[in-house]
């Protein structure tokens, strides 16, 4: 079964998730929403900011590679099946939208 995760941290963080699926999805959301060097004592966690200030197609290509690598490294129970982006043409912001499969 595939689940959808976005790069928007809109949900409450649960310190004790009720299921493994909930735990893995929360972890993926945190990876996607965190820029490297912003997590105290865990500086390598998340995505690098290499994609910032790049043209949208270039930023998306860099971000896709970063997403796959980061999720493989930090949450090996999740497998990215598909990655797309939500675009805000007014602000230029892109938000990743991932379909993930859980291998737990």
N, C-alpha and C. Protein backbone atom coordinates (compact mmCIF):
# COMPACT_ATOMS: atom_id res chain seq x y z
N UNK A 1 0.85 -1.18 0.00
CA UNK A 1 0.00 0.00 0.00
C UNK A 1 0.89 1.24 0.00
N UNK A 2 0.52 2.22 -0.79
CA UNK A 2 1.29 3.47 -0.88
C UNK A 2 0.62 4.55 -0.03
N UNK A 3 1.46 5.36 0.59
CA UNK A 3 1.00 6.47 1.42
C UNK A 3 1.58 7.76 0.86
N UNK A 4 0.87 8.86 1.05
CA UNK A 4 1.32 10.16 0.57
C UNK A 4 1.87 10.98 1.73
N UNK A 5 3.05 11.56 1.50
CA UNK A 5 3.69 12.42 2.50
C UNK A 5 4.07 13.70 1.79
N UNK A 6 3.83 14.84 2.42
CA UNK A 6 4.24 16.12 1.85
C UNK A 6 5.30 16.76 2.74
N UNK A 7 5.93 17.77 2.20
CA UNK A 7 6.96 18.48 2.95
C UNK A 7 6.40 19.54 3.86
N UNK A 8 5.12 19.49 4.16
CA UNK A 8 4.51 20.47 5.05
C UNK A 8 4.38 19.86 6.43
N UNK A 9 4.95 20.51 7.41
CA UNK A 9 4.83 20.03 8.78
C UNK A 9 3.56 20.56 9.41
N UNK A 10 2.44 19.98 9.03
CA UNK A 10 1.17 20.47 9.54
C UNK A 10 0.58 19.60 10.61
N UNK A 11 1.20 18.46 10.85
CA UNK A 11 0.64 17.54 11.82
C UNK A 11 1.40 17.63 13.14
N UNK A 12 0.75 17.20 14.17
CA UNK A 12 1.37 17.20 15.51
C UNK A 12 2.37 16.05 15.59
N UNK A 13 3.51 16.31 16.17
CA UNK A 13 4.52 15.27 16.33
C UNK A 13 4.13 14.38 17.51
N UNK A 14 4.05 13.08 17.24
CA UNK A 14 3.71 12.12 18.30
C UNK A 14 4.99 11.46 18.77
N UNK A 15 5.29 11.59 20.04
CA UNK A 15 6.49 10.99 20.60
C UNK A 15 6.38 9.47 20.69
N UNK A 16 5.15 8.98 20.77
CA UNK A 16 4.92 7.54 20.81
C UNK A 16 3.82 7.22 19.78
N UNK A 17 4.20 7.06 18.51
CA UNK A 17 3.21 6.72 17.49
C UNK A 17 2.53 5.39 17.82
N UNK A 18 1.26 5.28 17.42
CA UNK A 18 0.49 4.09 17.76
C UNK A 18 0.84 2.88 16.90
N UNK A 19 1.28 3.13 15.66
CA UNK A 19 1.60 2.02 14.76
C UNK A 19 2.96 2.27 14.10
N UNK A 20 3.52 1.23 13.54
CA UNK A 20 4.78 1.36 12.80
C UNK A 20 4.57 2.24 11.58
N UNK A 21 3.44 2.10 10.93
CA UNK A 21 3.14 2.91 9.74
C UNK A 21 3.14 4.39 10.10
N UNK A 22 2.47 4.73 11.17
CA UNK A 22 2.41 6.12 11.64
C UNK A 22 3.81 6.64 11.96
N UNK A 23 4.63 5.81 12.58
CA UNK A 23 6.00 6.18 12.94
C UNK A 23 6.84 6.45 11.69
N UNK A 24 6.77 5.55 10.73
CA UNK A 24 7.57 5.70 9.50
C UNK A 24 7.13 6.93 8.72
N UNK A 25 5.83 7.15 8.58
CA UNK A 25 5.34 8.32 7.85
C UNK A 25 5.75 9.61 8.54
N UNK A 26 5.69 9.64 9.86
CA UNK A 26 6.13 10.82 10.61
C UNK A 26 7.62 11.06 10.40
N UNK A 27 8.41 10.00 10.40
CA UNK A 27 9.84 10.13 10.18
C UNK A 27 10.14 10.68 8.78
N UNK A 28 9.45 10.18 7.78
CA UNK A 28 9.64 10.67 6.41
C UNK A 28 9.27 12.14 6.33
N UNK A 29 8.18 12.53 6.95
CA UNK A 29 7.76 13.93 6.95
C UNK A 29 8.83 14.82 7.59
N UNK A 30 9.44 14.34 8.67
CA UNK A 30 10.49 15.12 9.33
C UNK A 30 11.73 15.24 8.44
N UNK A 31 12.09 14.18 7.75
CA UNK A 31 13.24 14.22 6.84
C UNK A 31 13.00 15.23 5.74
N UNK A 32 11.82 15.17 5.15
CA UNK A 32 11.48 16.05 4.03
C UNK A 32 11.37 17.51 4.45
N UNK A 33 11.06 17.74 5.71
CA UNK A 33 10.83 19.10 6.20
C UNK A 33 12.05 19.73 6.89
N UNK A 34 13.15 19.00 6.97
CA UNK A 34 14.31 19.48 7.71
C UNK A 34 15.48 19.78 6.77
N UNK A 35 16.09 20.94 6.96
CA UNK A 35 17.29 21.31 6.22
C UNK A 35 18.50 20.91 7.06
N UNK A 36 19.52 20.33 6.41
CA UNK A 36 20.73 19.94 7.13
C UNK A 36 21.30 21.13 7.91
N UNK A 37 21.94 20.83 9.00
CA UNK A 37 22.56 21.80 9.91
C UNK A 37 21.56 22.58 10.76
N UNK A 38 20.28 22.20 10.74
CA UNK A 38 19.31 22.90 11.57
C UNK A 38 18.84 22.06 12.76
N UNK A 39 19.21 20.78 12.79
CA UNK A 39 18.82 19.91 13.91
C UNK A 39 19.99 19.83 14.89
N UNK A 40 19.85 20.42 16.05
CA UNK A 40 20.94 20.38 17.03
C UNK A 40 21.37 18.95 17.35
N UNK A 41 22.65 18.73 17.43
CA UNK A 41 23.27 17.44 17.74
C UNK A 41 23.05 16.37 16.66
N UNK A 42 22.45 16.75 15.55
CA UNK A 42 22.20 15.81 14.45
C UNK A 42 22.30 16.59 13.15
N UNK A 43 23.43 17.24 12.95
CA UNK A 43 23.62 18.21 11.87
C UNK A 43 23.48 17.65 10.46
N UNK A 44 23.76 16.36 10.25
CA UNK A 44 23.66 15.79 8.91
C UNK A 44 22.24 15.36 8.54
N UNK A 45 21.32 15.42 9.48
CA UNK A 45 19.95 14.97 9.24
C UNK A 45 19.21 15.92 8.30
N UNK A 46 18.46 15.37 7.37
CA UNK A 46 17.60 16.16 6.49
C UNK A 46 18.19 16.34 5.10
N UNK A 47 17.75 17.42 4.46
CA UNK A 47 18.14 17.73 3.09
C UNK A 47 19.10 18.90 3.06
N UNK A 48 20.06 18.87 2.14
CA UNK A 48 20.95 20.02 2.01
C UNK A 48 20.15 21.16 1.37
N UNK A 49 20.66 22.34 1.45
CA UNK A 49 19.95 23.51 0.89
C UNK A 49 20.49 23.88 -0.49
N UNK A 50 21.12 22.92 -1.18
CA UNK A 50 21.68 23.20 -2.51
C UNK A 50 20.62 23.64 -3.51
N UNK A 51 19.37 23.27 -3.31
CA UNK A 51 18.31 23.57 -4.26
C UNK A 51 17.76 24.99 -4.11
N UNK A 52 18.07 25.66 -3.00
CA UNK A 52 17.55 27.00 -2.78
C UNK A 52 18.09 27.98 -3.82
N UNK A 53 17.25 28.89 -4.27
CA UNK A 53 17.60 29.95 -5.20
C UNK A 53 17.99 29.44 -6.59
N UNK A 54 17.60 28.24 -6.91
CA UNK A 54 17.84 27.69 -8.25
C UNK A 54 16.56 27.82 -9.06
N UNK A 55 16.67 27.83 -10.40
CA UNK A 55 15.45 27.79 -11.21
C UNK A 55 14.65 26.53 -10.86
N UNK A 56 13.35 26.61 -10.95
CA UNK A 56 12.48 25.53 -10.51
C UNK A 56 12.86 24.16 -11.08
N UNK A 57 13.08 24.02 -12.38
CA UNK A 57 13.43 22.67 -12.89
C UNK A 57 14.73 22.13 -12.29
N UNK A 58 15.71 23.00 -12.09
CA UNK A 58 16.98 22.59 -11.50
C UNK A 58 16.77 22.22 -10.03
N UNK A 59 16.03 23.05 -9.31
CA UNK A 59 15.76 22.79 -7.89
C UNK A 59 15.04 21.46 -7.71
N UNK A 60 14.07 21.18 -8.57
CA UNK A 60 13.32 19.93 -8.46
C UNK A 60 14.22 18.72 -8.71
N UNK A 61 15.11 18.81 -9.69
CA UNK A 61 16.02 17.70 -9.99
C UNK A 61 16.96 17.44 -8.80
N UNK A 62 17.51 18.50 -8.24
CA UNK A 62 18.39 18.36 -7.07
C UNK A 62 17.61 17.80 -5.89
N UNK A 63 16.42 18.32 -5.68
CA UNK A 63 15.61 17.91 -4.54
C UNK A 63 15.18 16.45 -4.63
N UNK A 64 14.85 15.97 -5.81
CA UNK A 64 14.46 14.56 -5.97
C UNK A 64 15.62 13.65 -5.55
N UNK A 65 16.81 13.96 -6.02
CA UNK A 65 17.97 13.15 -5.65
C UNK A 65 18.20 13.19 -4.14
N UNK A 66 18.09 14.39 -3.56
CA UNK A 66 18.26 14.55 -2.11
C UNK A 66 17.21 13.75 -1.33
N UNK A 67 15.97 13.80 -1.78
CA UNK A 67 14.88 13.10 -1.10
C UNK A 67 15.13 11.60 -1.06
N UNK A 68 15.46 11.02 -2.22
CA UNK A 68 15.69 9.59 -2.28
C UNK A 68 16.85 9.18 -1.39
N UNK A 69 17.95 9.93 -1.43
CA UNK A 69 19.12 9.60 -0.62
C UNK A 69 18.84 9.73 0.88
N UNK A 70 18.20 10.84 1.27
CA UNK A 70 17.95 11.08 2.69
C UNK A 70 16.99 10.05 3.28
N UNK A 71 15.94 9.73 2.55
CA UNK A 71 14.98 8.76 3.06
C UNK A 71 15.61 7.37 3.14
N UNK A 72 16.41 7.02 2.15
CA UNK A 72 17.10 5.73 2.18
C UNK A 72 18.05 5.65 3.38
N UNK A 73 18.72 6.75 3.68
CA UNK A 73 19.67 6.76 4.79
C UNK A 73 19.00 6.81 6.16
N UNK A 74 18.02 7.69 6.34
CA UNK A 74 17.46 7.94 7.66
C UNK A 74 16.18 7.17 7.99
N UNK A 75 15.51 6.63 6.98
CA UNK A 75 14.31 5.83 7.25
C UNK A 75 14.25 4.69 6.22
N UNK A 76 15.09 3.66 6.42
CA UNK A 76 15.17 2.57 5.46
C UNK A 76 13.90 1.73 5.36
N UNK A 77 12.97 1.89 6.30
CA UNK A 77 11.71 1.14 6.22
C UNK A 77 10.77 1.73 5.18
N UNK A 78 11.08 2.93 4.68
CA UNK A 78 10.24 3.58 3.67
C UNK A 78 10.94 3.52 2.32
N UNK A 79 10.15 3.29 1.29
CA UNK A 79 10.66 3.27 -0.08
C UNK A 79 9.86 4.28 -0.89
N UNK A 80 10.56 5.23 -1.50
CA UNK A 80 9.87 6.24 -2.30
C UNK A 80 9.48 5.62 -3.64
N UNK A 81 8.20 5.68 -3.95
CA UNK A 81 7.69 5.14 -5.21
C UNK A 81 7.62 6.24 -6.26
N UNK A 82 7.18 7.42 -5.84
CA UNK A 82 7.01 8.54 -6.77
C UNK A 82 7.22 9.85 -6.02
N UNK A 83 7.81 10.81 -6.71
CA UNK A 83 8.00 12.14 -6.13
C UNK A 83 7.52 13.19 -7.12
N UNK A 84 6.62 14.04 -6.67
CA UNK A 84 6.13 15.16 -7.47
C UNK A 84 6.22 16.41 -6.61
N UNK A 85 5.84 17.54 -7.17
CA UNK A 85 5.93 18.79 -6.43
C UNK A 85 4.66 19.60 -6.58
N UNK A 86 4.28 20.26 -5.49
CA UNK A 86 3.23 21.27 -5.53
C UNK A 86 3.95 22.59 -5.72
N UNK A 87 3.50 23.39 -6.68
CA UNK A 87 4.17 24.66 -6.97
C UNK A 87 3.25 25.83 -6.64
N UNK A 88 3.82 26.84 -6.00
CA UNK A 88 3.13 28.11 -5.78
C UNK A 88 3.77 29.10 -6.73
N UNK A 89 3.10 29.36 -7.83
CA UNK A 89 3.66 30.23 -8.87
C UNK A 89 3.88 31.66 -8.38
N UNK A 90 3.07 32.08 -7.41
CA UNK A 90 3.19 33.45 -6.90
C UNK A 90 4.47 33.64 -6.10
N UNK A 91 4.81 32.66 -5.26
CA UNK A 91 5.99 32.79 -4.41
C UNK A 91 7.20 32.03 -4.93
N UNK A 92 6.99 31.11 -5.86
CA UNK A 92 8.08 30.29 -6.37
C UNK A 92 8.41 29.11 -5.48
N UNK A 93 7.61 28.88 -4.45
CA UNK A 93 7.86 27.80 -3.52
C UNK A 93 7.42 26.46 -4.11
N UNK A 94 8.27 25.45 -3.94
CA UNK A 94 7.90 24.09 -4.33
C UNK A 94 7.88 23.22 -3.08
N UNK A 95 6.86 22.38 -3.00
CA UNK A 95 6.71 21.49 -1.85
C UNK A 95 6.69 20.06 -2.36
N UNK A 96 7.58 19.21 -1.86
CA UNK A 96 7.58 17.82 -2.32
C UNK A 96 6.34 17.07 -1.87
N UNK A 97 5.89 16.19 -2.74
CA UNK A 97 4.76 15.30 -2.44
C UNK A 97 5.22 13.90 -2.83
N UNK A 98 5.37 13.04 -1.84
CA UNK A 98 5.93 11.71 -2.06
C UNK A 98 4.90 10.62 -1.87
N UNK A 99 5.01 9.60 -2.70
CA UNK A 99 4.27 8.35 -2.46
C UNK A 99 5.31 7.38 -1.93
N UNK A 100 5.04 6.83 -0.76
CA UNK A 100 5.99 5.91 -0.14
C UNK A 100 5.31 4.58 0.18
N UNK A 101 6.12 3.55 0.10
CA UNK A 101 5.70 2.22 0.48
C UNK A 101 6.47 1.88 1.75
N UNK A 102 5.82 1.23 2.68
CA UNK A 102 6.46 0.91 3.95
C UNK A 102 6.86 -0.57 3.96
N UNK A 103 8.14 -0.79 4.20
CA UNK A 103 8.68 -2.15 4.27
C UNK A 103 9.05 -2.45 5.72
N UNK A 104 8.05 -2.71 6.53
CA UNK A 104 8.33 -2.94 7.95
C UNK A 104 7.96 -4.36 8.36
